[in-house]
Protein backbone atom coordinates (compact mmCIF):
# COMPACT_ATOMS: atom_id res chain seq x y z
CA MET A 1 -6.33 1.82 1.87
CA ALA A 2 -3.03 1.59 3.74
CA GLY A 3 -0.51 -0.48 1.81
CA GLY A 4 -2.17 0.02 -1.56
CA VAL A 5 -0.47 1.60 -4.58
CA VAL A 6 -2.31 4.90 -5.06
CA HIS A 7 -0.20 7.00 -7.42
CA PHE A 8 2.69 6.84 -9.87
CA GLU A 9 5.22 9.40 -11.07
CA ILE A 10 7.30 9.64 -14.22
CA PRO A 11 10.46 11.76 -14.27
CA ALA A 12 11.38 13.58 -17.48
CA ASP A 13 14.39 15.44 -18.85
CA ASP A 14 12.17 17.38 -21.28
CA GLU A 15 8.74 17.67 -19.67
CA GLY A 16 7.05 19.05 -22.80
CA ARG A 17 8.36 16.21 -24.93
CA ALA A 18 7.31 13.65 -22.30
CA ARG A 19 3.81 15.18 -21.97
CA ASP A 20 3.39 15.01 -25.76
CA PHE A 21 4.64 11.42 -25.83
CA TYR A 22 2.31 10.05 -23.12
CA SER A 23 -0.66 12.04 -24.37
CA SER A 24 -0.18 10.73 -27.91
CA ALA A 25 0.78 7.17 -26.95
CA PHE A 26 -2.01 6.49 -24.44
CA GLY A 27 -4.45 9.39 -24.63
CA TRP A 28 -3.56 10.50 -21.10
CA GLU A 29 -4.56 14.02 -20.08
CA LEU A 30 -1.70 16.02 -18.56
CA SER A 31 -2.24 19.29 -16.75
CA GLN A 32 0.43 21.57 -15.33
CA VAL A 33 0.56 22.51 -11.65
CA PRO A 34 2.96 25.48 -12.00
CA GLU A 35 3.28 26.24 -8.29
CA MET A 36 4.61 22.69 -7.82
CA SER A 37 6.66 22.38 -11.05
CA TYR A 38 4.60 19.25 -11.60
CA ALA A 39 2.09 17.88 -14.08
CA MET A 40 -0.89 15.75 -13.11
CA ILE A 41 -1.49 12.69 -15.31
CA LYS A 42 -5.08 11.54 -15.75
CA THR A 43 -5.06 7.96 -17.07
CA THR A 44 -8.63 7.06 -16.23
CA PRO A 45 -12.03 8.78 -15.80
CA THR A 46 -12.57 10.51 -12.46
CA ASP A 47 -15.58 11.30 -10.32
CA ALA A 48 -16.68 14.74 -9.10
CA ASN A 49 -14.00 14.61 -6.37
CA GLY A 50 -11.21 13.90 -8.87
CA MET A 51 -10.89 10.27 -7.76
CA PRO A 52 -10.62 7.47 -10.34
CA SER A 53 -14.09 6.13 -11.10
CA VAL A 54 -12.79 2.83 -12.52
CA PRO A 55 -12.08 0.38 -9.66
CA GLY A 56 -8.39 -0.47 -9.32
CA SER A 57 -7.14 2.36 -11.52
CA ILE A 58 -4.82 5.19 -10.47
CA ASN A 59 -3.63 8.50 -11.83
CA GLY A 60 -0.16 9.98 -11.55
CA GLY A 61 2.21 12.83 -12.03
CA MET A 62 5.29 13.98 -13.91
CA PHE A 63 8.26 16.04 -12.73
CA ARG A 64 11.71 17.09 -13.90
CA ARG A 65 14.25 14.29 -13.44
CA GLU A 66 16.83 15.28 -10.82
CA GLY A 67 18.67 14.06 -7.75
CA ASP A 68 17.57 10.65 -6.52
CA LEU A 69 14.31 10.73 -8.48
CA THR A 70 15.50 9.43 -11.83
CA SER A 71 13.21 6.45 -12.52
CA PRO A 72 9.44 5.96 -12.42
CA VAL A 73 8.07 5.84 -8.88
CA VAL A 74 5.08 4.00 -7.41
CA THR A 75 3.51 5.56 -4.32
CA VAL A 76 2.13 3.53 -1.43
CA ASP A 77 -0.62 4.78 0.89
CA VAL A 78 0.25 4.69 4.61
CA ASP A 79 -1.53 5.77 7.78
CA ASP A 80 1.60 7.45 9.22
CA ILE A 81 4.57 8.42 7.04
CA ASP A 82 6.92 8.95 9.98
CA ALA A 83 6.16 5.49 11.41
CA ALA A 84 6.51 3.94 7.95
CA LEU A 85 9.92 5.59 7.43
CA GLU A 86 11.08 4.30 10.83
CA LYS A 87 9.97 0.76 9.96
CA ILE A 88 11.62 1.01 6.54
CA LYS A 89 14.87 2.12 8.22
CA SER A 90 14.69 -0.83 10.66
CA LEU A 91 14.35 -3.18 7.68
CA GLY A 92 17.43 -1.82 5.89
CA GLY A 93 15.84 0.90 3.75
CA SER A 94 16.60 4.61 3.93
CA THR A 95 14.81 7.94 3.59
CA VAL A 96 15.44 9.78 0.30
CA LEU A 97 13.13 12.77 0.93
CA PRO A 98 11.40 13.14 4.32
CA ARG A 99 7.74 13.94 4.92
CA GLU A 100 6.60 17.06 3.04
CA ALA A 101 3.17 18.69 2.98
CA ILE A 102 1.41 18.65 -0.39
CA GLY A 103 -0.99 21.57 -0.10
CA THR A 104 -3.79 20.61 2.25
CA MET A 105 -4.24 17.16 0.70
CA GLY A 106 -1.67 15.27 2.73
CA TRP A 107 2.01 14.43 2.95
CA ALA A 108 4.50 12.69 0.69
CA ALA A 109 7.94 11.16 1.26
CA TYR A 110 10.34 8.97 -0.69
CA PHE A 111 12.46 6.04 0.50
CA ARG A 112 15.05 3.69 -0.97
CA ASP A 113 14.36 -0.01 -0.48
CA THR A 114 16.97 -2.73 0.12
CA GLU A 115 17.31 -3.20 -3.66
CA GLY A 116 18.09 0.45 -4.40
CA ASN A 117 14.63 1.34 -5.75
CA VAL A 118 13.07 4.68 -4.82
CA VAL A 119 9.42 4.35 -3.76
CA GLY A 120 6.96 7.04 -2.67
CA LEU A 121 4.77 7.20 0.42
CA TRP A 122 1.48 9.07 0.74
CA GLN A 123 -0.45 9.97 3.90
CA SER A 124 -3.79 11.69 3.35
CA ALA A 125 -4.75 14.66 5.49
CA PRO A 126 -7.84 14.22 7.66
CA ARG A 127 -11.02 15.03 5.78
CA GLU A 128 -12.75 18.27 6.67
CA GLY A 129 -14.78 17.70 9.79
CA GLY A 130 -12.28 15.12 11.07
CA ALA A 131 -14.13 12.11 9.65
CA GLY A 132 -11.27 9.81 8.80
CA VAL A 133 -8.81 10.37 6.00
CA ALA A 134 -9.15 10.93 2.30
CA ASN A 135 -8.25 7.74 0.48
CA ALA A 136 -5.52 8.31 -1.97
CA GLY A 137 -2.52 9.92 -3.37
CA ASN A 138 -4.08 9.47 -6.77
CA ASP A 139 -6.02 12.70 -6.33
CA ILE A 140 -2.97 14.85 -5.59
CA GLY A 141 -3.67 18.21 -7.16
CA ALA A 142 -7.03 17.13 -8.52
């Protein structure tokens, strides 16, 4: 759903320590994605496609804190990342990291809002067969 929050990310200085903390504190399942230097965070049960099976819930990710990505990030689903970044720029925001392919699942980007917050964008790749788009950044790497 365009405009919906579909994913979150938590930066960490010590990824092992952070994985242990969130796993112990909340029972979250964290799994490494070595080729991305990233860990997937499963906060809620998922269906056979890796999508949250509890309405309104999302899953997330964890990465090494660096550069502009130093605080937790929420990710918003959009139909067109490039158009969204242009609109954000026209409203006084700025691009932090431009559109980047995430495997074959879709594209991600980061922007800074007018208050200095960094927020993520997610655009799903078309589903196989061209029937619309997959709904969600919350299945990144699932």
